[in-house]
Amino acid sequence: MSTERAALLTLMTRATRGVDHETAIDELGGLASAAGATVVLRAMQERASPDPATLFGKGRAEEMATACEAADVDVVIVDHVLSPAQARNLEAVFHRRVIDRTELILDIFARRARTREGKLQVELAQLQYMLPRLVGSAEALSRLGGGIGTRGPGETKLETDRRRIRQRVSALKQEISEVSERRGYVRARRKRGEVPTVALVGYTNAGKTTLFNALTGGDAVVSDALFVTLDPLVRRVKLPDARQIMVSDTVGFIDRLPHQLVAAFRATLEEVIHADLLLHVIDAAALDRERRERAVRDVLTEIGAGLVPMLDVFNKCDQLSPMDRDRLVTTAPGAVCVSALTGEGVRDLVDAVASRVAMDTERVTFHLDFTNDADRQVLVELHRHARVTSQITVGSQVTVEADVPRRLHNRLLRLQEIA
């Protein structure tokens, strides 16, 4: 299968004057590559405001169309969200497929989806994007025209397509709701087991999955590509003080992440919303690091996770000069610098996570009896989920002093009452 040749187009306006358009179009190029295209042409247009009909203005659009013809371009990718009318008008000018940033990201997600849940969520996002853009030509759908002799069954066909899409959207939402419900049961079991959950979040390609593997000893697929992880991965991790936590790897975020995707992936992103702690993995070597940080925080706020406790983790610190690294530590004193690839700083990160998870604890003394089943269960729970500071055993009697998570305290007291 031959690779499609793509042209990247972007518009600079007064409203986007503070944006680094070179970086933005580079990111668009990365997205195009992830979708399997080869970029052969890049073009920027500057104007006071977008043209309602063609975004770039008719004259400039025609110039770009000529350049695309000369470069033998197969698909034109616009780094903006196009209205249905703009997309139609541009295709009429370029005489080739024109897609916008949202459609490109949806295509990448469709390529990356592997599980049934991921495929359902991507299909829902695509249909929601497609519905307002569902139009047909007079030849393809015999749409109603404006003159004598042009009236026919075409509008019925168009409405039928729209109705089928709405029905499919409704069915997908129901299936995804069931998936979310099942995931909620699993999450409730974890909560009953009083195992804290730590979720990795961050900009796409920040190294979350590499760090996930470093923390869990797992072998999740790692790739220098965008949006490799679509479905959340959850693994159990044992902390140095013997307590256990659950660590989850989630889908990467991106600047201007399509709202259709945010809505469709809400079931997956619930792992983030209900986490006890978020690890915000940041590519320390990225030139536009601050923009990426803002993009992640914006998405977290959009999905309702803006108030979840968060620890900043600067990854790829091995790529920084000593001076840049010192500056980073000075400007973000509460953050942790790591290199998930080399393992540098990962132990410091584990200690920081253990400290943050332990913040909501209280020192409690338990008097237990080895001959009692419930007391033995309490001792197991203490060693699994609390930090035992001392343990004195005399015969079958044991006295344990431990820093116990407050949410676990009542459960242990109930176990002792059973005894």
Protein backbone atom coordinates (compact mmCIF):
# COMPACT_ATOMS: atom_id res chain seq x y z
CA MET A 1 0.00 0.00 0.00
CA SER A 2 1.50 3.31 -1.09
CA THR A 3 1.89 6.13 1.42
CA GLU A 4 -0.37 9.14 0.96
CA ARG A 5 1.33 12.42 0.18
CA ALA A 6 0.08 15.18 2.46
CA ALA A 7 0.11 18.96 2.50
CA LEU A 8 -0.06 20.76 5.87
CA LEU A 9 -1.82 24.13 5.98
CA THR A 10 -2.19 26.49 8.92
CA LEU A 11 -3.60 29.97 9.48
CA MET A 12 -2.13 32.75 11.64
CA THR A 13 -4.62 35.33 12.90
CA ARG A 14 -4.70 38.10 15.49
CA ALA A 15 -6.31 35.66 17.92
CA THR A 16 -3.41 33.18 17.60
CA ARG A 17 -0.54 35.67 17.47
CA GLY A 18 1.00 34.30 20.69
CA VAL A 19 1.06 30.73 19.36
CA ASP A 20 4.30 29.22 18.06
CA HIS A 21 2.99 28.18 14.64
CA GLU A 22 6.22 26.46 13.63
CA THR A 23 5.92 24.14 16.63
CA ALA A 24 2.21 23.66 15.95
CA ILE A 25 2.76 22.64 12.33
CA ASP A 26 5.62 20.35 13.41
CA GLU A 27 3.18 18.62 15.76
CA LEU A 28 0.65 18.38 12.92
CA GLY A 29 3.40 16.74 10.85
CA GLY A 30 3.89 14.19 13.64
CA LEU A 31 0.18 13.47 13.60
CA ALA A 32 0.22 13.06 9.83
CA SER A 33 3.12 10.60 10.09
CA ALA A 34 1.25 8.66 12.78
CA ALA A 35 -1.65 8.39 10.34
CA GLY A 36 0.67 6.93 7.70
CA ALA A 37 1.14 10.00 5.48
CA THR A 38 4.31 11.55 4.07
CA VAL A 39 4.41 15.33 4.35
CA VAL A 40 5.54 16.88 1.04
CA LEU A 41 4.29 20.45 1.45
CA ARG A 42 3.81 22.97 4.26
CA ALA A 43 2.15 26.35 3.93
CA MET A 44 1.10 29.15 6.30
CA GLN A 45 -1.30 32.01 5.70
CA GLU A 46 -1.55 35.16 7.78
CA ARG A 47 -4.73 37.23 7.88
CA ALA A 48 -6.64 39.24 10.46
CA SER A 49 -9.41 36.66 10.92
CA PRO A 50 -10.47 33.36 9.32
CA ASP A 51 -12.48 33.56 6.11
CA PRO A 52 -15.97 32.10 6.82
CA ALA A 53 -16.09 30.40 3.42
CA THR A 54 -12.59 28.98 2.85
CA LEU A 55 -10.67 29.82 6.07
CA PHE A 56 -7.69 31.16 4.07
CA GLY A 57 -9.51 33.40 1.59
CA LYS A 58 -10.41 32.38 -1.95
CA GLY A 59 -7.30 33.81 -3.65
CA ARG A 60 -4.84 32.27 -1.18
CA ALA A 61 -6.72 28.94 -1.26
CA GLU A 62 -6.35 28.85 -5.04
CA GLU A 63 -2.60 29.53 -4.75
CA MET A 64 -2.27 26.68 -2.25
CA ALA A 65 -4.29 24.42 -4.55
CA THR A 66 -1.83 25.12 -7.39
CA ALA A 67 1.09 24.25 -5.11
CA CYS A 68 -0.64 21.02 -4.08
CA GLU A 69 -1.17 20.10 -7.72
CA ALA A 70 2.53 20.67 -8.46
CA ALA A 71 3.56 18.56 -5.44
CA ASP A 72 1.15 15.75 -6.42
CA VAL A 73 -0.59 15.90 -3.03
CA ASP A 74 -3.18 13.24 -2.16
CA VAL A 75 -4.66 14.79 0.98
CA VAL A 76 -4.69 18.30 2.43
CA ILE A 77 -4.54 18.55 6.24
CA VAL A 78 -5.61 21.81 7.88
CA ASP A 79 -4.43 22.60 11.43
CA HIS A 80 -7.83 23.96 12.46
CA VAL A 81 -11.37 22.72 12.99
CA LEU A 82 -13.20 23.29 9.71
CA SER A 83 -16.90 23.94 9.52
CA PRO A 84 -18.80 21.63 7.14
CA ALA A 85 -19.14 24.51 4.66
CA GLN A 86 -15.42 25.35 4.80
CA ALA A 87 -14.49 21.71 4.22
CA ARG A 88 -16.78 21.48 1.17
CA ASN A 89 -15.57 24.77 -0.27
CA LEU A 90 -11.90 23.86 0.15
CA GLU A 91 -12.42 20.47 -1.49
CA ALA A 92 -14.04 22.25 -4.42
CA VAL A 93 -10.96 24.48 -4.74
CA PHE A 94 -8.28 21.81 -4.14
CA HIS A 95 -9.99 18.97 -6.05
CA ARG A 96 -8.68 16.49 -3.48
CA ARG A 97 -9.56 15.36 0.03
CA VAL A 98 -9.36 18.04 2.73
CA ILE A 99 -9.41 17.01 6.40
CA ASP A 100 -8.99 19.06 9.56
CA ARG A 101 -7.02 18.43 12.75
CA THR A 102 -9.94 16.72 14.48
CA GLU A 103 -10.54 14.25 11.66
CA LEU A 104 -6.82 13.45 11.56
CA ILE A 105 -6.69 12.67 15.29
CA LEU A 106 -9.82 10.54 15.00
CA ASP A 107 -8.18 8.58 12.19
CA ILE A 108 -5.09 7.92 14.34
CA PHE A 109 -7.25 6.73 17.22
CA ALA A 110 -9.09 4.40 14.84
CA ARG A 111 -5.76 2.92 13.73
CA ARG A 112 -4.53 2.48 17.30
CA ALA A 113 -7.70 0.97 18.83
CA ARG A 114 -7.18 -2.70 19.63
CA THR A 115 -9.70 -3.68 22.30
CA ARG A 116 -13.47 -3.77 21.88
CA GLU A 117 -13.84 -0.84 24.30
CA GLY A 118 -11.33 1.29 22.40
CA LYS A 119 -13.01 0.57 19.07
CA LEU A 120 -16.44 1.45 20.47
CA GLN A 121 -15.18 4.76 21.82
CA VAL A 122 -13.43 5.71 18.58
CA GLU A 123 -16.45 4.79 16.47
CA LEU A 124 -18.68 6.94 18.69
CA ALA A 125 -16.34 9.92 18.34
CA GLN A 126 -16.17 9.50 14.55
CA LEU A 127 -19.94 9.29 14.15
CA GLN A 128 -20.51 12.34 16.36
CA TYR A 129 -18.01 14.25 14.24
CA MET A 130 -19.53 12.99 10.99
CA LEU A 131 -23.22 13.63 11.73
CA PRO A 132 -23.32 17.42 11.21
CA ARG A 133 -21.08 17.01 8.15
CA LEU A 134 -23.23 14.35 6.49
CA VAL A 135 -24.08 15.78 3.09
CA GLY A 136 -24.13 14.31 -0.35
CA SER A 137 -23.66 15.56 -3.85
CA ALA A 138 -26.54 15.72 -6.30
CA GLU A 139 -25.00 12.79 -8.19
CA ALA A 140 -24.31 10.57 -5.18
CA LEU A 141 -27.50 11.07 -3.22
CA SER A 142 -29.81 12.88 -5.68
CA ARG A 143 -30.26 15.65 -3.15
CA LEU A 144 -33.14 18.03 -3.61
CA GLY A 145 -32.20 20.81 -5.96
CA GLY A 146 -33.62 24.27 -6.41
CA GLY A 147 -35.03 23.98 -9.93
CA ILE A 148 -37.71 22.21 -11.91
CA GLY A 149 -37.03 18.54 -12.43
CA THR A 150 -34.50 18.28 -9.62
CA ARG A 151 -36.83 16.98 -6.91
CA GLY A 152 -36.33 13.32 -6.09
CA PRO A 153 -35.76 10.76 -3.38
CA GLY A 154 -32.31 12.04 -2.43
CA GLU A 155 -33.25 13.94 0.71
CA THR A 156 -34.97 10.82 1.99
CA LYS A 157 -31.70 8.92 1.53
CA LEU A 158 -29.82 11.64 3.39
CA GLU A 159 -32.28 11.60 6.28
CA THR A 160 -32.12 7.81 6.37
CA ASP A 161 -28.35 7.97 6.73
CA ARG A 162 -28.68 10.51 9.52
CA ARG A 163 -31.26 8.39 11.32
CA ARG A 164 -29.05 5.30 11.08
CA ILE A 165 -26.09 7.21 12.48
CA ARG A 166 -28.19 8.54 15.37
CA GLN A 167 -29.39 5.02 16.12
CA ARG A 168 -25.82 3.70 16.04
CA VAL A 169 -24.64 6.56 18.29
CA SER A 170 -27.38 5.68 20.79
CA ALA A 171 -26.38 1.99 20.73
CA LEU A 172 -22.69 2.83 21.18
CA LYS A 173 -23.43 5.10 24.14
CA GLN A 174 -25.38 2.26 25.75
CA GLU A 175 -22.53 -0.23 25.22
CA ILE A 176 -19.93 2.23 26.52
CA SER A 177 -22.15 2.91 29.54
CA GLU A 178 -22.16 -0.82 30.29
CA VAL A 179 -18.36 -0.88 29.96
CA SER A 180 -18.15 2.07 32.35
CA GLU A 181 -20.44 0.28 34.80
CA ARG A 182 -18.27 -2.86 34.73
CA ARG A 183 -15.16 -0.75 35.21
CA GLY A 184 -16.89 0.90 38.16
CA TYR A 185 -17.43 -2.50 39.79
CA VAL A 186 -13.73 -3.32 39.42
CA ARG A 187 -12.81 0.09 40.83
CA ALA A 188 -15.22 -0.44 43.76
CA ARG A 189 -13.57 -3.77 44.55
CA ARG A 190 -10.20 -2.06 44.60
CA LYS A 191 -11.56 0.62 46.93
CA ARG A 192 -13.01 -2.05 49.23
CA GLY A 193 -9.55 -3.62 49.27
CA GLU A 194 -8.27 -0.17 50.25
CA VAL A 195 -5.58 -0.16 47.56
CA PRO A 196 -4.70 3.42 46.55
CA THR A 197 -4.70 4.11 42.80
CA VAL A 198 -2.04 6.21 41.08
CA ALA A 199 -2.74 7.25 37.47
CA LEU A 200 -0.14 8.40 34.95
CA VAL A 201 -1.29 11.33 32.84
CA GLY A 202 0.54 13.57 30.42
CA TYR A 203 0.99 14.84 26.91
CA THR A 204 1.18 12.18 24.23
CA ASN A 205 4.68 10.78 23.72
CA ALA A 206 5.91 12.14 27.08
CA GLY A 207 7.12 8.67 28.08
CA LYS A 208 4.21 7.56 30.29
CA THR A 209 4.26 3.93 29.16
CA THR A 210 8.05 3.67 29.56
CA LEU A 211 7.69 5.03 33.08
CA PHE A 212 4.75 2.68 33.70
CA ASN A 213 6.97 -0.26 32.76
CA ALA A 214 9.79 1.04 34.96
CA LEU A 215 7.45 1.31 37.96
CA THR A 216 5.59 -1.97 37.48
CA GLY A 217 8.19 -4.17 35.79
CA GLY A 218 5.67 -4.59 32.98
CA ASP A 219 6.15 -4.94 29.25
CA ALA A 220 3.48 -2.64 27.82
CA VAL A 221 4.11 -1.65 24.20
CA VAL A 222 6.35 1.41 23.95
CA SER A 223 6.72 3.39 20.73
CA ASP A 224 8.05 6.77 19.65
CA ALA A 225 4.67 7.57 18.15
CA LEU A 226 1.55 9.44 19.16
CA PHE A 227 -1.42 7.84 20.93
CA VAL A 228 -0.01 4.32 21.32
CA THR A 229 -1.91 3.72 24.60
CA LEU A 230 -5.69 4.03 24.19
CA ASP A 231 -6.93 1.57 26.80
CA PRO A 232 -5.92 1.96 30.45
CA LEU A 233 -3.39 -0.54 31.81
CA VAL A 234 -3.54 -1.27 35.55
CA ARG A 235 -0.81 -3.07 37.49
CA ARG A 236 -0.14 -3.68 41.18
CA VAL A 237 3.07 -2.18 42.64
CA LYS A 238 4.67 -2.95 46.00
CA LEU A 239 6.15 0.05 47.79
CA PRO A 240 9.41 -0.14 49.78
CA ASP A 241 7.43 -0.22 53.05
CA ALA A 242 5.50 -3.30 51.77
CA ARG A 243 2.26 -1.41 51.08
CA GLN A 244 0.63 -1.96 47.71
CA ILE A 245 -0.77 0.51 45.20
CA MET A 246 -2.41 0.21 41.79
CA VAL A 247 -0.72 2.14 38.95
CA SER A 248 -2.63 2.85 35.74
CA ASP A 249 -1.37 4.11 32.38
CA THR A 250 -3.86 6.17 30.39
CA VAL A 251 -4.32 7.71 26.96
CA GLY A 252 -2.05 10.65 26.20
CA PHE A 253 -3.48 14.14 25.86
CA ILE A 254 -2.73 16.69 23.18
CA ASP A 255 -3.32 20.37 22.61
CA ARG A 256 -6.82 21.00 21.23
CA LEU A 257 -7.89 17.41 21.90
CA PRO A 258 -11.23 16.97 20.06
CA HIS A 259 -14.25 17.27 22.35
CA GLN A 260 -15.75 14.21 20.63
CA LEU A 261 -12.81 12.14 21.88
CA VAL A 262 -12.95 13.55 25.39
CA ALA A 263 -16.65 12.64 25.57
CA ALA A 264 -16.21 9.21 23.98
CA PHE A 265 -13.25 8.26 26.19
CA ARG A 266 -14.90 9.39 29.41
CA ALA A 267 -15.30 5.74 30.52
CA THR A 268 -11.55 5.23 30.11
CA LEU A 269 -10.68 8.57 31.69
CA GLU A 270 -12.69 7.68 34.79
CA GLU A 271 -9.53 5.91 35.96
CA VAL A 272 -8.03 9.40 36.17
CA ILE A 273 -11.05 11.02 37.82
CA HIS A 274 -11.21 8.44 40.61
CA ALA A 275 -7.46 8.13 41.23
CA ASP A 276 -5.99 8.94 44.65
CA LEU A 277 -2.94 10.57 43.04
CA LEU A 278 -2.02 11.68 39.51
CA LEU A 279 1.53 11.55 38.20
CA HIS A 280 1.75 14.28 35.57
CA VAL A 281 4.50 12.99 33.28
CA ILE A 282 6.16 15.93 31.49
CA ASP A 283 8.71 15.74 28.68
CA ALA A 284 11.45 17.85 30.29
CA ALA A 285 13.34 18.11 26.97
CA ALA A 286 10.40 19.47 24.95
CA LEU A 287 10.94 23.02 23.73
CA ASP A 288 7.24 23.82 24.24
CA ARG A 289 7.03 22.12 27.63
CA GLU A 290 4.88 24.80 29.25
CA ARG A 291 2.30 24.70 26.44
CA ARG A 292 2.03 20.93 26.84
CA GLU A 293 1.63 21.25 30.60
CA ARG A 294 -1.23 23.72 30.11
CA ALA A 295 -2.90 21.43 27.56
CA VAL A 296 -2.87 18.50 30.01
CA ARG A 297 -4.22 20.61 32.87
CA ASP A 298 -7.00 21.96 30.60
CA VAL A 299 -8.11 18.43 29.69
CA LEU A 300 -7.99 17.33 33.33
CA THR A 301 -10.24 20.25 34.24
CA GLU A 302 -12.59 19.40 31.35
CA ILE A 303 -13.06 15.79 32.51
CA GLY A 304 -13.54 16.78 36.15
CA ALA A 305 -10.13 15.70 37.48
CA GLY A 306 -8.74 19.16 38.13
CA LEU A 307 -8.87 18.75 41.93
CA VAL A 308 -7.26 15.29 42.15
CA PRO A 309 -3.89 15.52 44.00
CA MET A 310 -1.07 15.64 41.45
CA LEU A 311 2.70 15.19 41.45
CA ASP A 312 4.71 16.61 38.53
CA VAL A 313 7.24 14.14 37.11
CA PHE A 314 9.77 15.55 34.64
CA ASN A 315 10.78 12.67 32.37
CA LYS A 316 13.72 12.49 29.92
CA CYS A 317 15.91 14.50 32.32
CA ASP A 318 18.92 12.62 30.95
CA GLN A 319 18.55 14.78 27.82
CA LEU A 320 19.00 18.03 29.79
CA SER A 321 22.26 19.83 30.42
CA PRO A 322 23.28 20.17 34.10
CA MET A 323 22.42 23.87 33.95
CA ASP A 324 18.93 23.25 32.53
CA ARG A 325 18.32 20.54 35.07
CA ASP A 326 19.30 22.79 37.98
CA ARG A 327 17.01 25.50 36.63
CA LEU A 328 14.14 23.00 36.38
CA VAL A 329 14.60 21.82 39.96
CA THR A 330 14.68 25.44 41.14
CA THR A 331 11.49 26.46 39.33
CA ALA A 332 9.56 23.30 40.33
CA PRO A 333 10.85 22.31 43.79
CA GLY A 334 8.05 19.83 44.46
CA ALA A 335 8.57 17.87 41.24
CA VAL A 336 10.67 14.75 40.62
CA CYS A 337 13.22 14.45 37.79
CA VAL A 338 13.51 11.01 36.22
CA SER A 339 14.63 9.18 33.12
CA ALA A 340 12.23 6.30 32.57
CA LEU A 341 14.55 4.98 29.85
CA THR A 342 17.67 4.70 32.03
CA GLY A 343 15.91 4.24 35.38
CA GLU A 344 17.52 7.36 36.85
CA GLY A 345 15.35 8.91 39.56
CA VAL A 346 12.69 6.17 39.47
CA ARG A 347 13.48 5.13 43.06
CA ASP A 348 13.11 8.77 44.17
CA LEU A 349 9.74 8.83 42.42
CA VAL A 350 8.60 5.67 44.22
CA ASP A 351 9.61 7.24 47.55
CA ALA A 352 7.73 10.43 46.65
CA VAL A 353 4.61 8.43 45.75
CA ALA A 354 4.87 6.46 49.00
CA SER A 355 5.14 9.73 50.92
CA ARG A 356 2.15 11.30 49.14
CA VAL A 357 0.00 8.20 49.58
CA ALA A 358 1.00 8.06 53.27
CA MET A 359 -0.02 11.66 53.95
CA ASP A 360 -3.59 10.63 54.82
CA THR A 361 -2.59 8.26 57.63
CA GLU A 362 -2.73 8.03 61.41
CA ARG A 363 -0.55 6.12 63.89
CA VAL A 364 -2.56 3.27 65.44
CA THR A 365 -1.66 0.46 67.86
CA PHE A 366 -3.36 -2.95 67.46
CA HIS A 367 -3.40 -5.81 69.99
CA LEU A 368 -3.97 -9.02 68.06
CA ASP A 369 -4.23 -12.74 68.73
CA PHE A 370 -2.70 -15.20 66.25
CA THR A 371 -5.29 -17.82 67.19
CA ASN A 372 -8.13 -15.62 65.93
CA ASP A 373 -8.92 -15.66 62.18
CA ALA A 374 -10.11 -12.06 62.11
CA ASP A 375 -6.99 -10.82 63.92
CA ARG A 376 -4.78 -12.71 61.48
CA GLN A 377 -6.64 -10.99 58.65
CA VAL A 378 -6.06 -7.61 60.31
CA LEU A 379 -2.32 -8.36 60.47
CA VAL A 380 -2.29 -9.28 56.76
CA GLU A 381 -4.12 -6.06 55.88
CA LEU A 382 -1.69 -3.99 57.96
CA HIS A 383 1.37 -5.41 56.22
CA ARG A 384 -0.27 -5.02 52.81
CA HIS A 385 -1.71 -1.52 53.04
CA ALA A 386 -0.18 0.24 56.06
CA ARG A 387 3.37 1.06 57.15
CA VAL A 388 4.19 -1.13 60.15
CA THR A 389 6.59 0.75 62.45
CA SER A 390 6.91 -1.93 65.15
CA GLN A 391 5.70 -5.45 65.89
CA ILE A 392 6.17 -7.27 69.22
CA THR A 393 5.13 -10.91 69.52
CA VAL A 394 4.68 -12.73 72.85
CA GLY A 395 3.33 -16.23 72.40
CA SER A 396 0.12 -15.95 70.38
CA GLN A 397 -0.27 -12.26 71.24
CA VAL A 398 1.13 -9.58 68.93
CA THR A 399 1.21 -5.81 69.36
CA VAL A 400 1.50 -3.87 66.11
CA GLU A 401 2.05 -0.14 65.70
CA ALA A 402 1.41 1.14 62.16
CA ASP A 403 0.67 4.24 60.09
CA VAL A 404 -2.76 3.31 58.73
CA PRO A 405 -4.59 5.05 55.84
CA ARG A 406 -7.65 6.70 57.35
CA ARG A 407 -9.97 5.04 54.82
CA LEU A 408 -8.64 1.64 56.01
CA HIS A 409 -8.95 2.32 59.73
CA ASN A 410 -12.70 1.68 60.01
CA ARG A 411 -12.42 -1.54 58.01
CA LEU A 412 -9.78 -2.87 60.40
CA LEU A 413 -11.83 -1.88 63.43
CA ARG A 414 -14.81 -3.80 61.99
CA LEU A 415 -12.59 -6.88 61.54
CA GLN A 416 -11.50 -6.61 65.17
CA GLU A 417 -15.13 -6.34 66.28
CA ILE A 418 -15.80 -9.61 64.47
CA ALA A 419 -13.01 -11.13 66.54
